[in-house]
Protein backbone atom coordinates (compact mmCIF):
# COMPACT_ATOMS: atom_id res chain seq x y z
CA MET A 1 -0.12 0.00 0.12
CA THR A 2 2.93 2.46 0.96
CA THR A 3 4.28 1.97 -2.52
CA PHE A 4 0.96 2.16 -4.22
CA VAL A 5 0.47 5.63 -2.38
CA SER A 6 3.96 6.95 -3.40
CA ILE A 7 3.11 6.02 -7.02
CA LEU A 8 -0.41 7.96 -6.79
CA TYR A 9 1.48 10.88 -5.41
CA ILE A 10 4.35 11.03 -8.19
CA ILE A 11 1.15 11.01 -10.54
CA ALA A 12 -0.33 13.78 -8.77
CA PHE A 13 2.76 15.84 -8.81
CA ALA A 14 3.33 15.50 -12.32
CA LEU A 15 -0.26 16.78 -12.97
CA PHE A 16 0.40 19.68 -10.71
CA ILE A 17 3.37 20.69 -13.03
CA TYR A 18 1.51 19.93 -16.35
CA GLY A 19 -1.42 21.79 -14.98
CA LEU A 20 0.51 24.97 -13.84
CA MET A 21 2.43 25.12 -17.51
CA GLY A 22 -1.18 25.45 -19.00
CA LEU A 23 -1.74 28.52 -16.86
CA THR A 24 0.57 30.57 -19.07
CA GLY A 25 -2.20 31.44 -21.70
CA PRO A 26 -5.78 31.94 -21.53
CA ARG A 27 -6.49 29.31 -24.09
CA THR A 28 -4.91 26.28 -22.17
CA ALA A 29 -5.73 27.91 -18.82
CA VAL A 30 -9.15 26.16 -18.32
CA ARG A 31 -7.25 22.79 -18.99
CA GLY A 32 -4.74 23.62 -16.93
CA ASN A 33 -7.11 24.18 -13.81
CA TRP A 34 -8.72 20.81 -14.67
CA ILE A 35 -5.34 18.87 -14.88
CA ALA A 36 -4.18 20.27 -11.65
CA ALA A 37 -7.55 19.62 -10.06
CA VAL A 38 -7.44 16.18 -11.01
CA GLY A 39 -3.85 15.74 -9.62
CA MET A 40 -5.08 17.32 -6.39
CA ALA A 41 -7.86 14.66 -6.14
CA ILE A 42 -5.14 12.03 -6.66
CA ALA A 43 -3.16 13.21 -3.78
CA VAL A 44 -6.21 13.39 -1.36
CA ILE A 45 -7.27 9.88 -2.33
CA ALA A 46 -3.45 8.77 -1.74
CA THR A 47 -3.33 10.61 1.67
CA LEU A 48 -6.55 8.82 2.63
CA LEU A 49 -5.07 5.25 1.67
CA LEU A 50 -2.29 6.01 4.07
CA PRO A 51 -2.25 3.25 6.84
CA GLY A 52 -3.76 4.61 10.18
CA MET A 53 -6.03 7.11 8.36
CA GLY A 54 -9.20 7.16 10.65
CA ASN A 55 -12.00 9.87 11.37
CA TRP A 56 -13.64 8.82 7.85
CA TRP A 57 -17.19 10.55 8.98
CA LEU A 58 -15.24 13.57 10.16
CA ILE A 59 -13.39 13.80 6.92
CA ALA A 60 -16.13 13.17 4.74
CA LEU A 61 -18.20 15.83 6.60
CA GLY A 62 -15.21 18.02 5.89
CA ILE A 63 -15.37 17.39 2.22
CA VAL A 64 -18.91 17.93 2.05
CA LEU A 65 -19.01 21.22 3.87
CA GLY A 66 -16.06 22.59 1.66
CA THR A 67 -18.08 21.54 -1.44
CA VAL A 68 -21.17 23.28 -0.22
CA VAL A 69 -19.48 26.56 0.22
CA GLY A 70 -16.84 26.39 -2.31
CA VAL A 71 -18.60 25.28 -5.37
CA PRO A 72 -21.34 27.93 -5.44
CA ALA A 73 -19.11 30.64 -4.30
CA ALA A 74 -16.76 30.34 -7.21
CA ARG A 75 -19.78 29.81 -9.71
CA GLN A 76 -21.47 33.09 -8.51
CA VAL A 77 -18.80 35.07 -7.95
CA LYS A 78 -18.53 38.22 -10.66
CA MET A 79 -15.39 38.63 -12.53
CA THR A 80 -15.00 41.99 -10.72
CA ALA A 81 -15.10 40.37 -7.29
CA MET A 82 -12.45 37.62 -8.55
CA PRO A 83 -9.67 39.05 -6.55
CA GLN A 84 -11.61 39.44 -3.31
CA MET A 85 -12.29 35.72 -3.65
CA VAL A 86 -8.77 34.73 -4.52
CA ALA A 87 -7.64 36.85 -1.26
CA LEU A 88 -10.21 35.07 0.78
CA PHE A 89 -9.76 31.40 -0.43
CA ASN A 90 -5.96 31.99 -0.01
CA GLY A 91 -6.61 33.12 3.63
CA VAL A 92 -8.58 29.87 4.06
CA GLY A 93 -5.56 27.73 3.25
CA GLY A 94 -3.19 29.53 5.68
CA GLY A 95 -5.68 29.31 8.45
CA ALA A 96 -6.09 25.73 7.87
CA VAL A 97 -2.26 25.35 8.27
CA ALA A 98 -2.30 27.34 11.56
CA LEU A 99 -5.09 25.24 12.82
CA ILE A 100 -3.33 21.84 12.05
CA ALA A 101 -0.25 22.94 13.54
CA TRP A 102 -2.14 23.94 16.85
CA VAL A 103 -3.82 20.20 16.74
CA GLU A 104 -0.34 18.80 16.15
CA PHE A 105 0.83 20.71 19.38
CA ARG A 106 -2.04 19.28 21.43
CA THR A 107 -1.71 15.67 20.20
CA THR A 108 2.20 15.48 20.62
CA ASP A 109 1.71 17.05 24.21
CA GLY A 110 3.89 20.10 22.97
CA TYR A 111 6.17 18.15 20.56
CA ALA A 112 7.65 16.57 23.65
CA HIS A 113 8.70 13.13 22.01
CA GLU A 114 9.12 14.62 18.39
CA PRO A 115 12.31 15.44 16.67
CA LEU A 116 13.25 19.16 16.77
CA TYR A 117 12.95 19.81 13.10
CA VAL A 118 8.91 18.86 13.53
CA ALA A 119 8.69 21.29 16.32
CA ILE A 120 10.59 24.00 14.07
CA ALA A 121 8.56 23.25 10.88
CA SER A 122 5.00 23.06 12.74
CA LEU A 123 5.75 26.31 14.39
CA PHE A 124 6.96 28.32 11.26
CA ALA A 125 3.94 26.54 9.41
CA ALA A 126 1.77 28.24 12.22
CA ILE A 127 3.29 31.82 12.21
CA VAL A 128 3.12 32.05 8.60
CA GLY A 129 -0.34 30.56 8.13
CA SER A 130 -1.68 32.51 10.67
CA VAL A 131 -0.35 35.83 9.13
CA SER A 132 -1.51 34.69 5.75
CA PHE A 133 -4.76 34.22 7.17
CA TRP A 134 -5.72 37.53 8.91
CA GLY A 135 -3.66 39.36 6.32
CA SER A 136 -5.70 37.79 3.59
CA ASN A 137 -8.89 38.65 5.31
CA ILE A 138 -7.53 42.23 5.53
CA ALA A 139 -6.90 42.35 1.97
CA PHE A 140 -10.32 41.07 1.21
CA GLY A 141 -11.71 43.89 3.26
CA LYS A 142 -9.96 46.53 1.51
CA LEU A 143 -10.88 45.08 -1.82
CA GLN A 144 -14.64 44.57 -1.01
CA GLU A 145 -14.31 48.20 0.55
CA LEU A 146 -15.42 46.90 3.95
CA ILE A 147 -12.15 48.66 4.83
CA SER A 148 -10.77 52.00 3.32
CA GLY A 149 -8.49 51.44 0.71
CA ARG A 150 -6.28 54.18 2.31
CA PRO A 151 -3.15 53.15 4.18
CA ILE A 152 -4.10 52.80 7.63
CA SER A 153 -1.26 52.84 10.40
CA VAL A 154 -0.50 54.13 13.85
CA GLY A 155 2.22 56.42 12.47
CA ARG A 156 6.00 56.12 13.63
CA LEU A 157 4.68 53.41 16.03
CA GLN A 158 3.80 51.11 13.03
CA GLN A 159 7.36 49.67 12.50
CA PRO A 160 8.10 49.30 16.07
CA LEU A 161 4.85 47.40 16.89
CA ASN A 162 5.33 44.95 13.94
CA VAL A 163 9.03 44.26 15.54
CA LEU A 164 7.35 43.62 18.60
CA LEU A 165 4.75 41.25 17.39
CA VAL A 166 7.54 39.40 15.47
CA VAL A 167 9.64 39.14 18.72
CA GLY A 168 6.57 38.05 20.60
CA ALA A 169 5.74 35.27 18.14
CA LEU A 170 9.35 33.85 18.18
CA ALA A 171 9.66 34.20 21.64
CA CYS A 172 6.89 31.70 22.08
CA ALA A 173 7.85 29.72 19.53
CA VAL A 174 11.43 29.18 20.86
CA ALA A 175 9.98 28.56 24.32
CA ILE A 176 7.89 25.80 22.77
CA ALA A 177 10.85 24.35 21.05
CA SER A 178 12.91 24.41 24.13
CA GLY A 179 10.42 22.11 25.76
CA GLY A 180 7.75 24.29 26.98
CA GLY A 181 4.40 22.52 26.84
CA SER A 182 2.12 25.20 28.18
CA GLU A 183 -0.71 25.46 25.55
CA TRP A 184 -0.76 29.26 26.22
CA LEU A 185 2.50 29.50 24.38
CA ILE A 186 0.74 28.22 21.16
CA ILE A 187 -1.90 30.27 21.50
CA GLY A 188 0.42 33.30 21.90
CA VAL A 189 2.34 32.53 18.81
CA LEU A 190 -1.14 32.36 16.94
CA VAL A 191 -2.30 35.55 18.38
CA ALA A 192 0.72 37.41 18.00
CA SER A 193 0.89 36.22 14.09
CA ALA A 194 -2.70 37.12 13.72
CA PHE A 195 -2.00 40.58 15.00
CA LEU A 196 1.15 40.89 12.90
CA GLY A 197 -0.87 39.72 9.67
CA VAL A 198 -3.43 42.48 10.27
CA MET A 199 -0.84 45.34 11.14
CA VAL A 200 1.11 44.29 8.14
CA VAL A 201 -1.30 44.54 5.45
CA LEU A 202 -3.59 47.61 7.09
CA PRO A 203 -0.77 49.93 6.15
CA ILE A 204 -0.77 48.84 2.25
CA GLY A 205 -2.79 50.96 0.09
CA GLY A 206 -5.26 49.73 -2.79
CA ALA A 207 -2.16 50.45 -5.33
CA ASP A 208 -0.01 47.71 -3.81
CA MET A 209 -3.10 45.27 -3.43
CA PRO A 210 -2.08 43.02 -6.33
CA VAL A 211 1.43 42.51 -5.02
CA VAL A 212 -0.13 41.78 -1.48
CA ILE A 213 -2.33 39.18 -2.72
CA SER A 214 0.28 37.36 -4.69
CA LEU A 215 2.74 37.48 -1.51
CA LEU A 216 0.13 36.21 0.95
CA ASN A 217 -0.22 33.44 -1.60
CA ALA A 218 3.34 32.62 -1.41
CA PHE A 219 3.06 32.58 2.38
CA THR A 220 0.31 30.15 2.34
CA GLY A 221 2.34 27.59 0.00
CA LEU A 222 5.36 27.87 2.32
CA SER A 223 3.38 27.16 5.57
CA ALA A 224 1.93 24.17 3.89
CA ALA A 225 5.12 22.99 2.92
CA ALA A 226 6.45 23.26 6.33
CA MET A 227 3.41 21.47 7.67
CA GLY A 228 4.03 19.01 5.22
CA LEU A 229 7.54 18.36 6.60
CA ALA A 230 6.17 18.27 10.17
CA LEU A 231 3.40 15.74 9.29
CA ASP A 232 5.88 13.52 6.75
CA ASN A 233 3.10 14.23 3.95
CA THR A 234 4.82 14.32 0.51
CA ALA A 235 1.88 15.74 -1.08
CA LEU A 236 1.62 18.71 1.60
CA ILE A 237 5.56 19.52 1.11
CA VAL A 238 5.43 19.84 -2.96
CA ALA A 239 2.24 21.24 -3.73
CA GLY A 240 3.20 23.96 -0.87
CA MET A 241 6.70 24.32 -2.52
CA ILE A 242 4.93 24.86 -5.99
CA VAL A 243 2.60 27.63 -4.71
CA GLY A 244 5.26 28.99 -2.58
CA ALA A 245 7.72 29.19 -5.54
CA SER A 246 5.59 30.29 -8.16
CA GLY A 247 3.69 33.15 -5.72
CA SER A 248 7.04 34.45 -4.89
CA ILE A 249 8.56 34.69 -8.66
CA LEU A 250 5.13 36.31 -9.60
CA THR A 251 5.36 38.58 -6.42
CA ASN A 252 8.69 39.66 -7.54
CA LEU A 253 7.86 40.16 -11.14
CA MET A 254 4.91 42.41 -10.09
CA ALA A 255 7.02 44.37 -7.65
CA LYS A 256 9.36 44.96 -10.56
CA ALA A 257 6.37 45.95 -12.80
CA MET A 258 5.50 48.76 -10.35
CA ASN A 259 9.28 49.82 -9.79
CA ARG A 260 8.73 48.75 -6.05
CA SER A 261 10.88 46.80 -3.55
CA ILE A 262 8.72 44.02 -1.60
CA PRO A 263 10.07 45.50 1.72
CA ALA A 264 8.87 48.74 0.72
CA ILE A 265 5.36 47.60 0.04
CA VAL A 266 5.36 45.52 3.45
CA ALA A 267 6.31 48.73 4.97
CA GLY A 268 3.52 50.38 3.89
CA GLY A 269 3.35 52.33 0.63
CA PHE A 270 1.41 54.66 -1.41
CA GLY A 271 -2.18 53.97 -2.65
CA GLY A 272 -5.61 54.81 -1.21
CA GLY A 273 -8.74 56.53 -1.60
CA THR A 274 -8.03 60.15 -1.23
CA ALA A 275 -7.64 62.21 -4.70
CA VAL A 276 -5.63 64.97 -5.42
CA ALA A 277 -7.63 67.64 -6.46
CA ALA A 278 -8.62 67.76 -10.03
CA GLY A 279 -6.35 70.00 -12.03
CA GLY A 280 -2.86 69.52 -10.17
CA GLY A 281 -1.97 69.21 -6.50
CA SER A 282 -1.53 72.92 -6.30
CA GLY A 283 -5.57 73.23 -6.53
CA GLU A 284 -5.64 75.03 -9.90
CA GLN A 285 -8.42 73.71 -12.23
CA ARG A 286 -6.89 72.70 -15.74
CA PRO A 287 -9.03 72.33 -18.59
CA VAL A 288 -9.70 69.11 -20.28
CA ARG A 289 -11.19 68.11 -23.67
CA SER A 290 -14.41 66.24 -23.85
CA THR A 291 -15.92 64.29 -26.76
CA SER A 292 -18.78 62.18 -27.60
CA ALA A 293 -19.62 58.60 -28.52
CA GLY A 294 -20.18 59.94 -32.31
CA ASP A 295 -16.93 61.62 -32.50
CA ALA A 296 -14.91 58.91 -30.88
CA ALA A 297 -16.58 56.53 -33.41
CA ILE A 298 -15.40 58.43 -36.06
CA GLN A 299 -12.11 59.08 -34.99
CA MET A 300 -11.53 55.20 -34.83
CA ALA A 301 -13.33 54.82 -37.98
CA TYR A 302 -10.58 56.48 -39.73
CA ALA A 303 -7.71 55.25 -37.95
CA SER A 304 -5.14 52.50 -39.19
CA LYS A 305 -4.30 51.00 -35.85
CA VAL A 306 -6.36 51.27 -32.23
CA MET A 307 -4.64 50.09 -29.20
CA VAL A 308 -7.21 49.42 -26.31
CA VAL A 309 -5.86 50.03 -22.80
CA PRO A 310 -8.10 48.10 -20.27
CA GLY A 311 -8.01 48.70 -16.70
CA TYR A 312 -10.17 48.19 -13.50
CA GLY A 313 -13.03 50.71 -14.98
CA MET A 314 -13.74 47.98 -17.53
CA ALA A 315 -13.97 45.33 -15.11
CA VAL A 316 -16.22 47.31 -12.78
CA ALA A 317 -18.26 48.04 -15.75
CA GLN A 318 -18.42 44.74 -17.01
CA ALA A 319 -17.58 46.26 -20.58
CA GLN A 320 -15.40 43.57 -21.89
CA HIS A 321 -18.04 41.79 -24.25
CA ALA A 322 -18.97 45.46 -25.58
CA VAL A 323 -15.45 46.10 -26.29
CA ARG A 324 -15.07 42.76 -28.27
CA GLU A 325 -17.86 43.83 -30.43
CA MET A 326 -16.63 47.28 -31.07
CA ALA A 327 -13.14 45.57 -32.08
CA ASP A 328 -14.98 43.49 -34.32
CA LEU A 329 -16.65 46.20 -36.04
CA LEU A 330 -13.38 47.87 -36.38
CA GLU A 331 -11.71 44.93 -37.61
CA SER A 332 -14.29 44.50 -40.41
CA LYS A 333 -13.44 47.93 -41.44
CA GLY A 334 -9.85 46.75 -42.20
CA ILE A 335 -8.57 48.58 -38.61
CA GLU A 336 -6.02 46.62 -36.60
CA VAL A 337 -7.09 46.43 -32.98
CA LEU A 338 -4.75 45.55 -30.30
CA TYR A 339 -4.98 45.17 -26.40
CA ALA A 340 -2.10 46.89 -24.12
CA ILE A 341 -1.85 44.89 -20.89
CA HIS A 342 0.07 46.44 -17.75
CA PRO A 343 1.11 43.67 -15.24
CA VAL A 344 -0.87 45.11 -12.47
CA ALA A 345 -3.92 46.67 -14.26
CA GLY A 346 -6.86 45.68 -11.96
CA ARG A 347 -6.76 44.22 -8.73
CA MET A 348 -4.88 40.77 -9.12
CA PRO A 349 -2.34 39.54 -11.47
CA GLY A 350 -3.81 38.70 -14.71
CA HIS A 351 -7.08 40.51 -14.01
CA MET A 352 -7.47 42.18 -17.50
CA ASN A 353 -6.23 38.84 -19.50
CA VAL A 354 -8.91 36.91 -17.72
CA LEU A 355 -11.60 39.33 -18.43
CA LEU A 356 -10.84 39.57 -22.23
CA ALA A 357 -10.62 35.73 -22.44
CA GLU A 358 -14.01 35.49 -21.31
CA ALA A 359 -14.77 37.84 -24.14
CA ASP A 360 -13.17 35.58 -26.62
CA VAL A 361 -10.71 38.21 -27.52
CA PRO A 362 -7.87 36.60 -29.47
CA TYR A 363 -4.74 35.91 -27.24
CA GLU A 364 -2.52 37.22 -30.15
CA SER A 365 -4.04 40.66 -29.87
CA LEU A 366 -3.17 40.85 -26.13
CA LYS A 367 0.41 43.05 -25.75
CA GLU A 368 2.57 42.95 -22.87
CA MET A 369 3.92 46.35 -21.70
CA ASP A 370 7.35 46.39 -23.61
CA GLU A 371 5.63 45.36 -26.75
CA SER A 372 2.50 47.88 -26.29
CA ASN A 373 5.11 50.70 -25.67
CA SER A 374 6.91 50.08 -28.81
CA GLN A 375 3.52 49.91 -30.90
CA PHE A 376 1.88 53.34 -29.39
CA PRO A 377 4.08 55.63 -31.38
CA GLN A 378 2.42 54.01 -34.55
CA THR A 379 -0.81 54.04 -33.05
CA ASP A 380 -3.56 56.58 -34.41
CA VAL A 381 -6.11 56.04 -31.22
CA ALA A 382 -5.34 54.94 -27.86
CA LEU A 383 -8.68 53.96 -26.08
CA VAL A 384 -7.94 53.92 -22.27
CA ILE A 385 -11.00 52.33 -20.31
CA GLY A 386 -10.66 52.83 -16.58
CA ALA A 387 -6.86 52.53 -16.52
CA ASN A 388 -5.15 55.23 -14.25
CA ASP A 389 -2.09 54.89 -12.39
CA VAL A 390 -0.61 52.73 -15.20
CA THR A 391 -1.10 55.21 -17.89
CA ASN A 392 -0.07 58.34 -16.01
CA PRO A 393 3.30 60.17 -17.63
CA ALA A 394 3.86 61.64 -14.08
CA ALA A 395 5.61 58.29 -13.41
CA GLN A 396 7.95 59.39 -16.16
CA SER A 397 8.21 63.04 -15.95
CA ASP A 398 7.65 64.22 -12.13
CA PRO A 399 10.35 63.12 -9.65
CA SER A 400 8.15 64.20 -6.98
CA SER A 401 5.37 61.86 -7.97
CA PRO A 402 4.87 58.73 -5.59
CA ILE A 403 4.71 56.70 -8.51
CA TYR A 404 7.74 58.12 -10.23
CA GLY A 405 9.90 55.25 -11.99
CA MET A 406 7.05 52.92 -12.05
CA PRO A 407 6.86 51.34 -15.50
CA ILE A 408 3.46 52.42 -17.61
CA LEU A 409 1.90 51.92 -20.68
CA SER A 410 3.20 55.21 -22.63
CA VAL A 411 -0.20 55.83 -24.21
CA ASN A 412 0.74 59.70 -24.42
CA SER A 413 3.03 58.73 -27.27
CA SER A 414 -0.03 57.90 -29.53
CA ARG A 415 -1.33 60.27 -32.27
CA SER A 416 -4.49 60.52 -30.20
CA VAL A 417 -5.76 59.30 -26.75
CA ILE A 418 -9.79 58.83 -25.72
CA VAL A 419 -10.17 57.99 -22.18
CA LEU A 420 -13.37 56.57 -20.82
CA LYS A 421 -14.08 57.53 -16.94
CA ARG A 422 -17.01 58.06 -15.04
CA SER A 423 -15.22 61.14 -13.37
CA MET A 424 -11.90 63.03 -13.16
CA SER A 425 -11.42 61.03 -9.93
CA SER A 426 -7.85 59.34 -9.26
CA GLY A 427 -6.98 55.97 -9.25
CA PHE A 428 -5.53 53.77 -6.46
CA ALA A 429 -2.39 55.84 -5.93
CA GLY A 430 -4.58 58.72 -4.96
CA ILE A 431 -3.03 60.92 -7.48
CA ASP A 432 -3.94 63.13 -10.45
CA ASN A 433 -3.29 61.66 -13.84
CA GLU A 434 -1.70 63.93 -16.01
CA LEU A 435 -2.57 62.26 -19.26
CA PHE A 436 -6.34 63.95 -18.67
CA TYR A 437 -4.79 67.18 -19.50
CA ASP A 438 -2.62 66.30 -22.80
CA PRO A 439 -3.94 68.40 -25.81
CA LYS A 440 -4.15 64.92 -27.78
CA THR A 441 -6.51 63.35 -24.81
CA ALA A 442 -10.37 63.54 -25.14
CA MET A 443 -12.13 62.66 -22.09
CA LEU A 444 -15.67 60.46 -22.72
CA PHE A 445 -17.46 60.45 -19.32
CA GLY A 446 -19.67 57.91 -18.31
CA ASP A 447 -20.25 54.23 -17.79
CA ALA A 448 -17.59 52.33 -19.41
CA LYS A 449 -19.76 49.84 -20.71
CA SER A 450 -22.57 52.23 -22.10
CA SER A 451 -19.94 54.29 -23.43
CA VAL A 452 -18.39 51.57 -25.67
CA ALA A 453 -22.15 50.45 -26.45
CA GLU A 454 -22.89 53.89 -27.87
CA ILE A 455 -19.63 53.64 -29.81
CA VAL A 456 -20.78 50.73 -31.23
CA GLU A 457 -23.98 51.91 -32.31
CA GLU A 458 -22.20 54.85 -33.89
CA LEU A 459 -19.61 52.53 -35.83
CA LYS A 460 -22.75 50.71 -37.22
CA ALA A 461 -24.31 53.68 -38.36
CA LEU A 462 -21.28 54.86 -40.40
């Protein structure tokens, strides 16, 4: 039986990796998810076949409850709420690991007769899993706007308080590893880690939230791998390391895309809901040029190349299907339509890719930031749909700007720009967008889906 279980684990791990490879593109992502899901099912079955496995009714109850809660939640969630669901489900994984560590402490009398590495791995899992759970819940609250998206901190006491919480969690962990068997010690580990997770994420603003979600995802993977080491469970070790490694790589790539260091983000950075006065930080009201759906349609109808720049505004309005219809009309007139995708557009990694794939936009039409920037100078019309901070020229021209140095989509190098927005409000970074005041920019105010639908009707009439 042990040999059979090992063979099942090897098959499961191969499916994990093969499924992960499928996530590199929208066309293969669904298949990749199914392959990885089959791998996880095999890993679960293999674990249940291990000698000494018991509490079958309790295990069955857990599976039923998880299915009843998880399936409807995943099927009914709106695409705009996908980042919140990712944060919440990721947090649940970290919380489960922390609870398992607590149970392991209780069933081994404080690791009294366990090797030291088991205690260290279990305590590491307890700390990181608890941080991930509570931090993910705060991220969920910010994304769901249950908590203000602005940085919330205790000022100069923030970092000393975080250090104190780290020291407290580690002190309790060291006491346990040294032979302390009091249950209050493991409770101290979990509580200090919980407060640490809350206090680390609260000061992080909305603009950094995609990186935070990715970082917490990596934390959950690492905590699961550590718990697998403590329980001598191969499936947990491998699956956790895959999640931890991929999450860490993604976090680093996203931080680079924002020209931000991960320590700077964790220490609390820009991002929030406080807008700088429209027209500039000094309060002067600069003029903007408005346009209509009819004028926008005519402008694009006589273009050779149109570059669509999607952002969170498109996600909120659920305008992706209308955008696809507009693109089809333009292409029928012989106009090239491409999509410029910034790595951190939206509220989670790949947010725009997922939305456009849902609307059956050809993957070949999606261009990453570097390729998009090389094509903007040859673009007749750049249509910006709710993308704010990732198109702000201040990132390149204003050293005093909080986002200075952040790589952006250089839509201002296009021959003309049309921006679809509800108002002149700022983005997650809470700063004014200099693009709005560029003489070549025209603003089309209103709901993105309605505005694009109006453009579609005007195109049909031409």
